[in-house]
């Protein structure tokens, strides 16, 4: 199956930049990620997504799943379930292990669904 690869442009802009703030991700009282090296990906008119280096995520808090999706601008996304003291949040975290060149900076980073976790910046 051939997949269309799209390049960001005026009709669908995507920018990736360093977030100068400290970004913390929590589920309840449990910190699952804490970084000063987050990237902010702004895609078209979607809310900005915080991409956190996988090294700054508690490895005990994430478990890979078989879920995958495709974005013609970013590539194939893989997912993780968040494992917390209160249970599991299926597919609450995603990553582009081999993102397309337009967003290559997000390789090695993960993002969290903001409706499933608390993301703060300070």
PDB file of N, CA and C in Angstrom:
ATOM      1  N   UNK A   1       0.838  -1.175   0.000  1.00  0.00           N
ATOM      2  CA  UNK A   1       0.000   0.000   0.000  1.00  0.00           C
ATOM      3  C   UNK A   1       0.886   1.241   0.000  1.00  0.00           C
ATOM      4  N   UNK A   2       0.668   2.098  -0.955  1.00  0.00           N
ATOM      5  CA  UNK A   2       1.435   3.329  -1.063  1.00  0.00           C
ATOM      6  C   UNK A   2       0.792   4.408  -0.203  1.00  0.00           C
ATOM      7  N   UNK A   3       1.615   5.126   0.511  1.00  0.00           N
ATOM      8  CA  UNK A   3       1.115   6.195   1.379  1.00  0.00           C
ATOM      9  C   UNK A   3       1.565   7.534   0.838  1.00  0.00           C
ATOM     10  N   UNK A   4       0.626   8.457   0.799  1.00  0.00           N
ATOM     11  CA  UNK A   4       0.947   9.804   0.360  1.00  0.00           C
ATOM     12  C   UNK A   4       1.735  10.522   1.446  1.00  0.00           C
ATOM     13  N   UNK A   5       2.841  11.131   1.064  1.00  0.00           N
ATOM     14  CA  UNK A   5       3.638  11.935   1.979  1.00  0.00           C
ATOM     15  C   UNK A   5       3.419  13.388   1.597  1.00  0.00           C
ATOM     16  N   UNK A   6       2.928  14.167   2.560  1.00  0.00           N
ATOM     17  CA  UNK A   6       2.656  15.580   2.312  1.00  0.00           C
ATOM     18  C   UNK A   6       3.713  16.448   2.985  1.00  0.00           C
ATOM     19  N   UNK A   7       4.019  17.552   2.353  1.00  0.00           N
ATOM     20  CA  UNK A   7       4.976  18.516   2.889  1.00  0.00           C
ATOM     21  C   UNK A   7       4.205  19.682   3.496  1.00  0.00           C
ATOM     22  N   UNK A   8       4.513  20.047   4.733  1.00  0.00           N
ATOM     23  CA  UNK A   8       3.844  21.213   5.321  1.00  0.00           C
ATOM     24  C   UNK A   8       4.046  22.449   4.450  1.00  0.00           C
ATOM     25  N   UNK A   9       3.040  23.295   4.429  1.00  0.00           N
ATOM     26  CA  UNK A   9       3.116  24.519   3.648  1.00  0.00           C
ATOM     27  C   UNK A   9       2.061  25.499   4.118  1.00  0.00           C
ATOM     28  N   UNK A  10       1.786  26.525   3.350  1.00  0.00           N
ATOM     29  CA  UNK A  10       0.832  27.553   3.768  1.00  0.00           C
ATOM     30  C   UNK A  10      -0.565  27.015   4.074  1.00  0.00           C
ATOM     31  N   UNK A  11      -0.979  25.954   3.374  1.00  0.00           N
ATOM     32  CA  UNK A  11      -2.305  25.391   3.618  1.00  0.00           C
ATOM     33  C   UNK A  11      -2.337  24.469   4.837  1.00  0.00           C
ATOM     34  N   UNK A  12      -1.189  23.993   5.272  1.00  0.00           N
ATOM     35  CA  UNK A  12      -1.089  23.114   6.451  1.00  0.00           C
ATOM     36  C   UNK A  12       0.299  23.297   7.073  1.00  0.00           C
ATOM     37  N   UNK A  13       0.510  24.427   7.772  1.00  0.00           N
ATOM     38  CA  UNK A  13       1.842  24.682   8.339  1.00  0.00           C
ATOM     39  C   UNK A  13       2.122  23.815   9.568  1.00  0.00           C
ATOM     40  N   UNK A  14       3.386  23.440   9.700  1.00  0.00           N
ATOM     41  CA  UNK A  14       3.856  22.736  10.899  1.00  0.00           C
ATOM     42  C   UNK A  14       5.187  23.359  11.300  1.00  0.00           C
ATOM     43  N   UNK A  15       5.292  23.729  12.571  1.00  0.00           N
ATOM     44  CA  UNK A  15       6.558  24.226  13.092  1.00  0.00           C
ATOM     45  C   UNK A  15       6.932  23.413  14.326  1.00  0.00           C
ATOM     46  N   UNK A  16       8.230  23.266  14.527  1.00  0.00           N
ATOM     47  CA  UNK A  16       8.760  22.588  15.710  1.00  0.00           C
ATOM     48  C   UNK A  16       9.804  23.512  16.312  1.00  0.00           C
ATOM     49  N   UNK A  17       9.672  23.776  17.607  1.00  0.00           N
ATOM     50  CA  UNK A  17      10.632  24.644  18.278  1.00  0.00           C
ATOM     51  C   UNK A  17      10.860  24.225  19.714  1.00  0.00           C
ATOM     52  N   UNK A  18      11.956  24.668  20.266  1.00  0.00           N
ATOM     53  CA  UNK A  18      12.294  24.365  21.665  1.00  0.00           C
ATOM     54  C   UNK A  18      11.360  25.110  22.602  1.00  0.00           C
ATOM     55  N   UNK A  19      10.856  24.422  23.585  1.00  0.00           N
ATOM     56  CA  UNK A  19      10.051  25.046  24.628  1.00  0.00           C
ATOM     57  C   UNK A  19      11.026  25.459  25.737  1.00  0.00           C
ATOM     58  N   UNK A  20      11.118  26.751  26.050  1.00  0.00           N
ATOM     59  CA  UNK A  20      12.064  27.185  27.081  1.00  0.00           C
ATOM     60  C   UNK A  20      11.608  26.860  28.501  1.00  0.00           C
ATOM     61  N   UNK A  21      10.366  26.424  28.652  1.00  0.00           N
ATOM     62  CA  UNK A  21       9.822  26.140  29.982  1.00  0.00           C
ATOM     63  C   UNK A  21      10.138  24.711  30.420  1.00  0.00           C
ATOM     64  N   UNK A  22      10.008  24.489  31.701  1.00  0.00           N
ATOM     65  CA  UNK A  22      10.034  23.135  32.242  1.00  0.00           C
ATOM     66  C   UNK A  22       8.640  22.555  32.039  1.00  0.00           C
ATOM     67  N   UNK A  23       8.560  21.360  31.474  1.00  0.00           N
ATOM     68  CA  UNK A  23       7.287  20.715  31.218  1.00  0.00           C
ATOM     69  C   UNK A  23       7.191  19.469  32.094  1.00  0.00           C
ATOM     70  N   UNK A  24       6.080  19.375  32.818  1.00  0.00           N
ATOM     71  CA  UNK A  24       5.853  18.222  33.690  1.00  0.00           C
ATOM     72  C   UNK A  24       4.512  17.588  33.301  1.00  0.00           C
ATOM     73  N   UNK A  25       4.502  16.263  33.263  1.00  0.00           N
ATOM     74  CA  UNK A  25       3.289  15.513  32.950  1.00  0.00           C
ATOM     75  C   UNK A  25       2.954  14.653  34.164  1.00  0.00           C
ATOM     76  N   UNK A  26       1.699  14.781  34.618  1.00  0.00           N
ATOM     77  CA  UNK A  26       1.255  14.026  35.794  1.00  0.00           C
ATOM     78  C   UNK A  26      -0.059  13.318  35.500  1.00  0.00           C
ATOM     79  N   UNK A  27      -0.221  12.202  36.174  1.00  0.00           N
ATOM     80  CA  UNK A  27      -1.503  11.510  36.231  1.00  0.00           C
ATOM     81  C   UNK A  27      -1.833  11.438  37.709  1.00  0.00           C
ATOM     82  N   UNK A  28      -2.823  12.204  38.126  1.00  0.00           N
ATOM     83  CA  UNK A  28      -3.086  12.335  39.556  1.00  0.00           C
ATOM     84  C   UNK A  28      -1.878  12.977  40.213  1.00  0.00           C
ATOM     85  N   UNK A  29      -1.337  12.326  41.234  1.00  0.00           N
ATOM     86  CA  UNK A  29      -0.149  12.832  41.923  1.00  0.00           C
ATOM     87  C   UNK A  29       1.152  12.259  41.367  1.00  0.00           C
ATOM     88  N   UNK A  30       1.056  11.350  40.410  1.00  0.00           N
ATOM     89  CA  UNK A  30       2.237  10.665  39.872  1.00  0.00           C
ATOM     90  C   UNK A  30       2.846  11.446  38.707  1.00  0.00           C
ATOM     91  N   UNK A  31       4.114  11.821  38.847  1.00  0.00           N
ATOM     92  CA  UNK A  31       4.839  12.467  37.754  1.00  0.00           C
ATOM     93  C   UNK A  31       5.325  11.369  36.809  1.00  0.00           C
ATOM     94  N   UNK A  32       4.915  11.461  35.544  1.00  0.00           N
ATOM     95  CA  UNK A  32       5.340  10.458  34.562  1.00  0.00           C
ATOM     96  C   UNK A  32       6.394  11.015  33.603  1.00  0.00           C
ATOM     97  N   UNK A  33       6.522  12.356  33.556  1.00  0.00           N
ATOM     98  CA  UNK A  33       7.556  12.972  32.719  1.00  0.00           C
ATOM     99  C   UNK A  33       7.887  14.343  33.289  1.00  0.00           C
ATOM    100  N   UNK A  34       9.166  14.703  33.201  1.00  0.00           N
ATOM    101  CA  UNK A  34       9.637  15.993  33.705  1.00  0.00           C
ATOM    102  C   UNK A  34      10.855  16.371  32.865  1.00  0.00           C
ATOM    103  N   UNK A  35      10.768  17.518  32.176  1.00  0.00           N
ATOM    104  CA  UNK A  35      11.851  17.870  31.255  1.00  0.00           C
ATOM    105  C   UNK A  35      12.016  19.370  31.120  1.00  0.00           C
ATOM    106  N   UNK A  36      13.228  19.762  30.769  1.00  0.00           N
ATOM    107  CA  UNK A  36      13.501  21.132  30.339  1.00  0.00           C
ATOM    108  C   UNK A  36      13.931  21.122  28.873  1.00  0.00           C
ATOM    109  N   UNK A  37      13.659  20.019  28.183  1.00  0.00           N
ATOM    110  CA  UNK A  37      14.081  19.867  26.791  1.00  0.00           C
ATOM    111  C   UNK A  37      12.909  19.528  25.864  1.00  0.00           C
ATOM    112  N   UNK A  38      11.709  19.971  26.215  1.00  0.00           N
ATOM    113  CA  UNK A  38      10.538  19.686  25.382  1.00  0.00           C
ATOM    114  C   UNK A  38      10.588  20.482  24.091  1.00  0.00           C
ATOM    115  N   UNK A  39       9.973  19.911  23.077  1.00  0.00           N
ATOM    116  CA  UNK A  39       9.755  20.597  21.814  1.00  0.00           C
ATOM    117  C   UNK A  39       8.262  20.869  21.667  1.00  0.00           C
ATOM    118  N   UNK A  40       7.931  21.995  21.073  1.00  0.00           N
ATOM    119  CA  UNK A  40       6.530  22.323  20.811  1.00  0.00           C
ATOM    120  C   UNK A  40       6.288  22.152  19.319  1.00  0.00           C
ATOM    121  N   UNK A  41       5.342  21.281  18.985  1.00  0.00           N
ATOM    122  CA  UNK A  41       4.963  21.104  17.596  1.00  0.00           C
ATOM    123  C   UNK A  41       3.618  21.793  17.403  1.00  0.00           C
ATOM    124  N   UNK A  42       3.596  22.759  16.517  1.00  0.00           N
ATOM    125  CA  UNK A  42       2.362  23.471  16.174  1.00  0.00           C
ATOM    126  C   UNK A  42       1.978  23.057  14.762  1.00  0.00           C
ATOM    127  N   UNK A  43       0.844  22.387  14.645  1.00  0.00           N
ATOM    128  CA  UNK A  43       0.377  21.907  13.353  1.00  0.00           C
ATOM    129  C   UNK A  43      -0.943  22.569  12.995  1.00  0.00           C
ATOM    130  N   UNK A  44      -0.917  23.300  11.906  1.00  0.00           N
ATOM    131  CA  UNK A  44      -2.108  23.956  11.370  1.00  0.00           C
ATOM    132  C   UNK A  44      -2.858  24.676  12.477  1.00  0.00           C
ATOM    133  N   UNK A  45      -4.159  24.397  12.621  1.00  0.00           N
ATOM    134  CA  UNK A  45      -4.940  25.072  13.656  1.00  0.00           C
ATOM    135  C   UNK A  45      -5.197  24.174  14.869  1.00  0.00           C
ATOM    136  N   UNK A  46      -4.434  23.087  15.004  1.00  0.00           N
ATOM    137  CA  UNK A  46      -4.554  22.204  16.168  1.00  0.00           C
ATOM    138  C   UNK A  46      -3.855  22.836  17.368  1.00  0.00           C
ATOM    139  N   UNK A  47      -4.247  22.445  18.585  1.00  0.00           N
ATOM    140  CA  UNK A  47      -3.512  22.937  19.760  1.00  0.00           C
ATOM    141  C   UNK A  47      -2.052  22.470  19.702  1.00  0.00           C
ATOM    142  N   UNK A  48      -1.120  23.258  20.215  1.00  0.00           N
ATOM    143  CA  UNK A  48       0.282  22.833  20.219  1.00  0.00           C
ATOM    144  C   UNK A  48       0.468  21.563  21.054  1.00  0.00           C
ATOM    145  N   UNK A  49       1.370  20.705  20.586  1.00  0.00           N
ATOM    146  CA  UNK A  49       1.683  19.458  21.293  1.00  0.00           C
ATOM    147  C   UNK A  49       3.092  19.554  21.859  1.00  0.00           C
ATOM    148  N   UNK A  50       3.234  19.151  23.116  1.00  0.00           N
ATOM    149  CA  UNK A  50       4.533  19.109  23.785  1.00  0.00           C
ATOM    150  C   UNK A  50       5.162  17.742  23.513  1.00  0.00           C
ATOM    151  N   UNK A  51       6.304  17.728  22.852  1.00  0.00           N
ATOM    152  CA  UNK A  51       7.039  16.489  22.601  1.00  0.00           C
ATOM    153  C   UNK A  51       8.194  16.431  23.589  1.00  0.00           C
ATOM    154  N   UNK A  52       8.190  15.392  24.397  1.00  0.00           N
ATOM    155  CA  UNK A  52       9.134  15.241  25.510  1.00  0.00           C
ATOM    156  C   UNK A  52      10.130  14.140  25.176  1.00  0.00           C
ATOM    157  N   UNK A  53      11.426  14.386  25.414  1.00  0.00           N
ATOM    158  CA  UNK A  53      12.401  13.313  25.169  1.00  0.00           C
ATOM    159  C   UNK A  53      12.018  12.052  25.941  1.00  0.00           C
ATOM    160  N   UNK A  54      12.067  10.920  25.272  1.00  0.00           N
ATOM    161  CA  UNK A  54      11.704   9.655  25.914  1.00  0.00           C
ATOM    162  C   UNK A  54      12.572   9.405  27.142  1.00  0.00           C
ATOM    163  N   UNK A  55      13.785   9.925  27.148  1.00  0.00           N
ATOM    164  CA  UNK A  55      14.676   9.753  28.300  1.00  0.00           C
ATOM    165  C   UNK A  55      14.158  10.471  29.539  1.00  0.00           C
ATOM    166  N   UNK A  56      13.252  11.444  29.359  1.00  0.00           N
ATOM    167  CA  UNK A  56      12.706  12.197  30.485  1.00  0.00           C
ATOM    168  C   UNK A  56      11.336  11.686  30.926  1.00  0.00           C
ATOM    169  N   UNK A  57      10.973  10.499  30.445  1.00  0.00           N
ATOM    170  CA  UNK A  57       9.720   9.848  30.831  1.00  0.00           C
ATOM    171  C   UNK A  57      10.065   8.667  31.729  1.00  0.00           C
ATOM    172  N   UNK A  58       9.302   8.507  32.808  1.00  0.00           N
ATOM    173  CA  UNK A  58       9.502   7.379  33.710  1.00  0.00           C
ATOM    174  C   UNK A  58       9.257   6.090  32.933  1.00  0.00           C
ATOM    175  N   UNK A  59      10.295   5.264  32.721  1.00  0.00           N
ATOM    176  CA  UNK A  59      10.121   4.061  31.905  1.00  0.00           C
ATOM    177  C   UNK A  59       9.127   3.071  32.512  1.00  0.00           C
ATOM    178  N   UNK A  60       8.945   3.101  33.823  1.00  0.00           N
ATOM    179  CA  UNK A  60       7.988   2.203  34.462  1.00  0.00           C
ATOM    180  C   UNK A  60       6.548   2.632  34.208  1.00  0.00           C
ATOM    181  N   UNK A  61       6.364   3.852  33.695  1.00  0.00           N
ATOM    182  CA  UNK A  61       5.016   4.390  33.506  1.00  0.00           C
ATOM    183  C   UNK A  61       4.461   4.165  32.101  1.00  0.00           C
ATOM    184  N   UNK A  62       5.273   3.638  31.183  1.00  0.00           N
ATOM    185  CA  UNK A  62       4.777   3.441  29.822  1.00  0.00           C
ATOM    186  C   UNK A  62       5.033   2.019  29.340  1.00  0.00           C
ATOM    187  N   UNK A  63       4.063   1.505  28.604  1.00  0.00           N
ATOM    188  CA  UNK A  63       4.151   0.180  28.016  1.00  0.00           C
ATOM    189  C   UNK A  63       3.735   0.285  26.554  1.00  0.00           C
ATOM    190  N   UNK A  64       4.563  -0.195  25.615  1.00  0.00           N
ATOM    191  CA  UNK A  64       4.184  -0.103  24.204  1.00  0.00           C
ATOM    192  C   UNK A  64       2.914  -0.899  23.918  1.00  0.00           C
ATOM    193  N   UNK A  65       2.134  -0.410  22.963  1.00  0.00           N
ATOM    194  CA  UNK A  65       0.944  -1.139  22.520  1.00  0.00           C
ATOM    195  C   UNK A  65       1.124  -1.470  21.037  1.00  0.00           C
ATOM    196  N   UNK A  66       0.168  -2.197  20.490  1.00  0.00           N
ATOM    197  CA  UNK A  66       0.203  -2.541  19.069  1.00  0.00           C
ATOM    198  C   UNK A  66      -0.484  -1.481  18.206  1.00  0.00           C
ATOM    199  N   UNK A  67      -1.013  -0.439  18.837  1.00  0.00           N
ATOM    200  CA  UNK A  67      -1.732   0.592  18.101  1.00  0.00           C
ATOM    201  C   UNK A  67      -0.778   1.415  17.252  1.00  0.00           C
ATOM    202  N   UNK A  68      -1.217   1.734  16.054  1.00  0.00           N
ATOM    203  CA  UNK A  68      -0.455   2.632  15.201  1.00  0.00           C
ATOM    204  C   UNK A  68      -1.427   3.441  14.358  1.00  0.00           C
ATOM    205  N   UNK A  69      -1.000   4.630  13.989  1.00  0.00           N
ATOM    206  CA  UNK A  69      -1.776   5.485  13.098  1.00  0.00           C
ATOM    207  C   UNK A  69      -0.805   6.089  12.093  1.00  0.00           C
ATOM    208  N   UNK A  70      -1.362   6.753  11.092  1.00  0.00           N
ATOM    209  CA  UNK A  70      -0.534   7.353  10.065  1.00  0.00           C
ATOM    210  C   UNK A  70      -0.929   8.805   9.857  1.00  0.00           C
ATOM    211  N   UNK A  71       0.055   9.668   9.773  1.00  0.00           N
ATOM    212  CA  UNK A  71      -0.139  11.063   9.433  1.00  0.00           C
ATOM    213  C   UNK A  71       0.667  11.333   8.164  1.00  0.00           C
ATOM    214  N   UNK A  72       0.044  11.857   7.113  1.00  0.00           N
ATOM    215  CA  UNK A  72       0.799  12.088   5.885  1.00  0.00           C
ATOM    216  C   UNK A  72       1.863  13.173   6.015  1.00  0.00           C
ATOM    217  N   UNK A  73       1.822  13.969   7.095  1.00  0.00           N
ATOM    218  CA  UNK A  73       2.822  15.012   7.318  1.00  0.00           C
ATOM    219  C   UNK A  73       3.953  14.569   8.243  1.00  0.00           C
ATOM    220  N   UNK A  74       3.650  13.625   9.147  1.00  0.00           N
ATOM    221  CA  UNK A  74       4.643  13.242  10.163  1.00  0.00           C
ATOM    222  C   UNK A  74       5.111  11.797  10.047  1.00  0.00           C
ATOM    223  N   UNK A  75       4.284  10.900   9.521  1.00  0.00           N
ATOM    224  CA  UNK A  75       4.677   9.507   9.373  1.00  0.00           C
ATOM    225  C   UNK A  75       3.845   8.575  10.225  1.00  0.00           C
ATOM    226  N   UNK A  76       4.432   7.420  10.562  1.00  0.00           N
ATOM    227  CA  UNK A  76       3.751   6.396  11.357  1.00  0.00           C
ATOM    228  C   UNK A  76       3.933   6.675  12.845  1.00  0.00           C
ATOM    229  N   UNK A  77       2.817   6.698  13.555  1.00  0.00           N
ATOM    230  CA  UNK A  77       2.853   6.898  15.008  1.00  0.00           C
ATOM    231  C   UNK A  77       2.649   5.564  15.708  1.00  0.00           C
ATOM    232  N   UNK A  78       3.406   5.366  16.780  1.00  0.00           N
ATOM    233  CA  UNK A  78       3.254   4.216  17.666  1.00  0.00           C
ATOM    234  C   UNK A  78       2.759   4.742  19.004  1.00  0.00           C
ATOM    235  N   UNK A  79       2.139   3.868  19.791  1.00  0.00           N
ATOM    236  CA  UNK A  79       1.497   4.306  21.025  1.00  0.00           C
ATOM    237  C   UNK A  79       1.985   3.528  22.244  1.00  0.00           C
ATOM    238  N   UNK A  80       1.777   4.169  23.398  1.00  0.00           N
ATOM    239  CA  UNK A  80       2.074   3.573  24.698  1.00  0.00           C
ATOM    240  C   UNK A  80       0.848   3.708  25.592  1.00  0.00           C
ATOM    241  N   UNK A  81       0.701   2.741  26.481  1.00  0.00           N
ATOM    242  CA  UNK A  81      -0.274   2.844  27.561  1.00  0.00           C
ATOM    243  C   UNK A  81       0.452   3.392  28.776  1.00  0.00           C
ATOM    244  N   UNK A  82      -0.197   4.328  29.469  1.00  0.00           N
ATOM    245  CA  UNK A  82       0.347   4.840  30.726  1.00  0.00           C
ATOM    246  C   UNK A  82      -0.077   3.910  31.850  1.00  0.00           C
ATOM    247  N   UNK A  83       0.882   3.477  32.642  1.00  0.00           N
ATOM    248  CA  UNK A  83       0.624   2.602  33.773  1.00  0.00           C
ATOM    249  C   UNK A  83       0.835   3.417  35.034  1.00  0.00           C
ATOM    250  N   UNK A  84      -0.223   3.574  35.823  1.00  0.00           N
ATOM    251  CA  UNK A  84      -0.143   4.374  37.043  1.00  0.00           C
ATOM    252  C   UNK A  84      -0.634   3.561  38.229  1.00  0.00           C
ATOM    253  N   UNK A  85      -0.464   4.115  39.394  1.00  0.00           N
ATOM    254  CA  UNK A  85      -0.960   3.462  40.598  1.00  0.00           C
ATOM    255  C   UNK A  85      -2.470   3.314  40.613  1.00  0.00           C
ATOM    256  N   UNK A  86      -3.137   4.120  39.802  1.00  0.00           N
ATOM    257  CA  UNK A  86      -4.606   4.082  39.739  1.00  0.00           C
ATOM    258  C   UNK A  86      -5.132   3.259  38.572  1.00  0.00           C
ATOM    259  N   UNK A  87      -4.247   2.673  37.786  1.00  0.00           N
ATOM    260  CA  UNK A  87      -4.690   1.872  36.653  1.00  0.00           C
ATOM    261  C   UNK A  87      -3.939   2.233  35.388  1.00  0.00           C
ATOM    262  N   UNK A  88      -4.533   1.866  34.265  1.00  0.00           N
ATOM    263  CA  UNK A  88      -3.888   2.087  32.972  1.00  0.00           C
ATOM    264  C   UNK A  88      -4.716   3.035  32.107  1.00  0.00           C
ATOM    265  N   UNK A  89      -4.009   3.837  31.332  1.00  0.00           N
ATOM    266  CA  UNK A  89      -4.636   4.720  30.351  1.00  0.00           C
ATOM    267  C   UNK A  89      -4.129   4.275  28.979  1.00  0.00           C
ATOM    268  N   UNK A  90      -4.973   3.535  28.279  1.00  0.00           N
ATOM    269  CA  UNK A  90      -4.566   2.935  27.008  1.00  0.00           C
ATOM    270  C   UNK A  90      -4.278   3.993  25.950  1.00  0.00           C
ATOM    271  N   UNK A  91      -3.182   3.816  25.252  1.00  0.00           N
ATOM    272  CA  UNK A  91      -2.815   4.657  24.109  1.00  0.00           C
ATOM    273  C   UNK A  91      -2.849   6.155  24.429  1.00  0.00           C
ATOM    274  N   UNK A  92      -2.393   6.515  25.611  1.00  0.00           N
ATOM    275  CA  UNK A  92      -2.391   7.918  26.047  1.00  0.00           C
ATOM    276  C   UNK A  92      -1.146   8.670  25.586  1.00  0.00           C
ATOM    277  N   UNK A  93      -0.181   7.950  25.028  1.00  0.00           N
ATOM    278  CA  UNK A  93       1.110   8.522  24.641  1.00  0.00           C
ATOM    279  C   UNK A  93       1.414   8.056  23.220  1.00  0.00           C
ATOM    280  N   UNK A  94       1.960   8.971  22.399  1.00  0.00           N
ATOM    281  CA  UNK A  94       2.348   8.565  21.053  1.00  0.00           C
ATOM    282  C   UNK A  94       3.737   9.067  20.718  1.00  0.00           C
ATOM    283  N   UNK A  95       4.330   8.430  19.717  1.00  0.00           N
ATOM    284  CA  UNK A  95       5.651   8.808  19.240  1.00  0.00           C
ATOM    285  C   UNK A  95       5.753   8.530  17.751  1.00  0.00           C
ATOM    286  N   UNK A  96       6.591   9.292  17.096  1.00  0.00           N
ATOM    287  CA  UNK A  96       6.960   9.037  15.703  1.00  0.00           C
ATOM    288  C   UNK A  96       8.410   8.594  15.739  1.00  0.00           C
ATOM    289  N   UNK A  97       8.629   7.289  15.677  1.00  0.00           N
ATOM    290  CA  UNK A  97       9.995   6.768  15.804  1.00  0.00           C
ATOM    291  C   UNK A  97      10.877   7.185  14.631  1.00  0.00           C
ATOM    292  N   UNK A  98      10.294   7.246  13.436  1.00  0.00           N
ATOM    293  CA  UNK A  98      11.018   7.676  12.237  1.00  0.00           C
ATOM    294  C   UNK A  98      10.174   8.727  11.518  1.00  0.00           C
ATOM    295  N   UNK A  99      10.103   9.934  12.097  1.00  0.00           N
ATOM    296  CA  UNK A  99       9.250  10.959  11.489  1.00  0.00           C
ATOM    297  C   UNK A  99       9.778  11.402  10.136  1.00  0.00           C
ATOM    298  N   UNK A 100       8.876  11.963   9.349  1.00  0.00           N
ATOM    299  CA  UNK A 100       9.274  12.501   8.053  1.00  0.00           C
ATOM    300  C   UNK A 100      10.231  13.673   8.244  1.00  0.00           C
ATOM    301  N   UNK A 101      11.046  13.977   7.220  1.00  0.00           N
ATOM    302  CA  UNK A 101      12.081  15.016   7.353  1.00  0.00           C
ATOM    303  C   UNK A 101      11.567  16.374   7.836  1.00  0.00           C
ATOM    304  N   UNK A 102      10.352  16.758   7.484  1.00  0.00           N
ATOM    305  CA  UNK A 102       9.828  18.072   7.875  1.00  0.00           C
ATOM    306  C   UNK A 102       9.714  18.232   9.387  1.00  0.00           C
ATOM    307  N   UNK A 103       9.612  17.100  10.110  1.00  0.00           N
ATOM    308  CA  UNK A 103       9.479  17.148  11.573  1.00  0.00           C
ATOM    309  C   UNK A 103      10.500  16.220  12.239  1.00  0.00           C
ATOM    310  N   UNK A 104      11.651  16.059  11.603  1.00  0.00           N
ATOM    311  CA  UNK A 104      12.674  15.115  12.074  1.00  0.00           C
ATOM    312  C   UNK A 104      13.072  15.338  13.527  1.00  0.00           C
ATOM    313  N   UNK A 105      12.949  16.575  14.012  1.00  0.00           N
ATOM    314  CA  UNK A 105      13.365  16.890  15.395  1.00  0.00           C
ATOM    315  C   UNK A 105      12.593  16.101  16.450  1.00  0.00           C
ATOM    316  N   UNK A 106      11.373  15.635  16.129  1.00  0.00           N
ATOM    317  CA  UNK A 106      10.569  14.954  17.152  1.00  0.00           C
ATOM    318  C   UNK A 106      10.951  13.484  17.334  1.00  0.00           C
ATOM    319  N   UNK A 107      11.892  12.987  16.551  1.00  0.00           N
ATOM    320  CA  UNK A 107      12.379  11.616  16.762  1.00  0.00           C
ATOM    321  C   UNK A 107      12.937  11.527  18.184  1.00  0.00           C
ATOM    322  N   UNK A 108      12.658  10.421  18.849  1.00  0.00           N
ATOM    323  CA  UNK A 108      13.149  10.246  20.217  1.00  0.00           C
ATOM    324  C   UNK A 108      12.314  10.968  21.259  1.00  0.00           C
ATOM    325  N   UNK A 109      11.175  11.498  20.855  1.00  0.00           N
ATOM    326  CA  UNK A 109      10.277  12.226  21.752  1.00  0.00           C
ATOM    327  C   UNK A 109       8.903  11.559  21.765  1.00  0.00           C
ATOM    328  N   UNK A 110       8.156  11.795  22.826  1.00  0.00           N
ATOM    329  CA  UNK A 110       6.781  11.318  22.933  1.00  0.00           C
ATOM    330  C   UNK A 110       5.877  12.496  23.271  1.00  0.00           C
ATOM    331  N   UNK A 111       4.604  12.331  22.948  1.00  0.00           N
ATOM    332  CA  UNK A 111       3.601  13.337  23.303  1.00  0.00           C
ATOM    333  C   UNK A 111       2.464  12.636  24.036  1.00  0.00           C
ATOM    334  N   UNK A 112       1.784  13.388  24.883  1.00  0.00           N
ATOM    335  CA  UNK A 112       0.710  12.864  25.723  1.00  0.00           C
ATOM    336  C   UNK A 112      -0.609  13.520  25.339  1.00  0.00           C
ATOM    337  N   UNK A 113      -1.688  12.753  25.326  1.00  0.00           N
ATOM    338  CA  UNK A 113      -3.004  13.341  25.103  1.00  0.00           C
ATOM    339  C   UNK A 113      -3.365  14.194  26.314  1.00  0.00           C
ATOM    340  N   UNK A 114      -3.556  15.501  26.106  1.00  0.00           N
ATOM    341  CA  UNK A 114      -3.808  16.393  27.249  1.00  0.00           C
ATOM    342  C   UNK A 114      -5.136  16.126  27.960  1.00  0.00           C
ATOM    343  N   UNK A 115      -6.043  15.396  27.337  1.00  0.00           N
ATOM    344  CA  UNK A 115      -7.301  15.061  28.012  1.00  0.00           C
ATOM    345  C   UNK A 115      -7.150  13.836  28.912  1.00  0.00           C
ATOM    346  N   UNK A 116      -5.974  13.205  28.896  1.00  0.00           N
ATOM    347  CA  UNK A 116      -5.746  12.021  29.729  1.00  0.00           C
ATOM    348  C   UNK A 116      -4.737  12.273  30.854  1.00  0.00           C
ATOM    349  N   UNK A 117      -3.979  13.383  30.747  1.00  0.00           N
ATOM    350  CA  UNK A 117      -2.955  13.707  31.738  1.00  0.00           C
ATOM    351  C   UNK A 117      -3.023  15.200  32.043  1.00  0.00           C
ATOM    352  N   UNK A 118      -2.274  15.613  33.045  1.00  0.00           N
ATOM    353  CA  UNK A 118      -2.116  17.042  33.350  1.00  0.00           C
ATOM    354  C   UNK A 118      -0.735  17.460  32.877  1.00  0.00           C
ATOM    355  N   UNK A 119      -0.691  18.429  31.985  1.00  0.00           N
ATOM    356  CA  UNK A 119       0.585  18.936  31.472  1.00  0.00           C
ATOM    357  C   UNK A 119       0.748  20.371  31.969  1.00  0.00           C
ATOM    358  N   UNK A 120       1.847  20.614  32.708  1.00  0.00           N
ATOM    359  CA  UNK A 120       2.093  21.958  33.219  1.00  0.00           C
ATOM    360  C   UNK A 120       3.427  22.463  32.690  1.00  0.00           C
ATOM    361  N   UNK A 121       3.525  23.798  32.616  1.00  0.00           N
ATOM    362  CA  UNK A 121       4.766  24.443  32.196  1.00  0.00           C
ATOM    363  C   UNK A 121       5.123  25.494  33.238  1.00  0.00           C
ATOM    364  N   UNK A 122       6.400  25.543  33.568  1.00  0.00           N
ATOM    365  CA  UNK A 122       6.834  26.562  34.539  1.00  0.00           C
ATOM    366  C   UNK A 122       8.186  27.118  34.150  1.00  0.00           C
TER     367      UNK A 122
END
